[in-house]
Amino acid sequence: MIKLEGIRARQGDFLLSAERVTLKEGDFVAVLGNNGSGKSTFLSVLAGLNKFEGKYLLEEREFQEIPTTERHGLISLLPQMTTLILTGRFIHTNGLSYTDADLEATERAMTELDIMHLRDRQFNELSGGEKQRVLLARTINKNTRVILLDEPLSGIDILHQHDSIRLLKELSRKKLVIVVIHDISLALREFERFLFFTGGDLSYEARSHEIQEDRLSEIFGVRINFLRHDKGIFVYTEGK
């Protein structure tokens, strides 16, 4: 679905580099790295918000040749800041009004993320975690084949983190879902594919069973150890 080769993208003095990566429908991908390593810039490139050099194919088509309106129907992005759920359906409308199907899809997204009880409240009245779930529902409600999420679990309590991950895993069966996340233990427990960024470079790509402690230690600059048990992997760190 997405193929990248020799990607270079600048944001001010920052340079993002991704030599080669292929992502397909059915992939549930975690993007990790220290702050400022290039994770958000990477999502911006995939969403078409950041200029780039190199080869980017989306569904075997040159990304730059796909009309902007069509891109919006293929890719949805949840950045670290954004607003209302029903507007996520706008790409599916005639530009004038929403249909009953749009309203039903919106209610379904709100139910899945447990925010129906917030429907009559103003966005600025919500807690940080509630706002994040509203924005996540808006992104999902767009119903695109590629879903890009930049720290979607930030500020969300443990119960709703669990529900959100479950929903995203379910969606990834028929879509490509890419998530920037900081919780390494949660990522290793729930995700299948991993992209790690270091200093702007896509430095390590692996599947869950291939992850190596030494490589993660190099990437994050602290000693990372795995404690394996029957329900997955617990990650703990030591100083340099």
Foldseek 3Di string as FASTA:
>chain_A
DKWWAFKWFDDPPAIATEHIDDFDQLAAEEEEFDPPQCQLVVVCVVLVNTDIDGAIADVNHGPVPDDNLVSLLAEFEQAPDDDAQLVLQCSVDPNPDDDPVSVVLLVVLCVLLVNPVVVPPDLVVDDPQSNLSRSVSNRVSNVHQEYHYEASRPPHDPVSVVSVLVVSSVSSRGHHYYYYDHQPQVCLLRGFKYFYGASNYRDDIDGSVPDDQVVVCVRHVWRWDWDADPRTTDIDTDGD
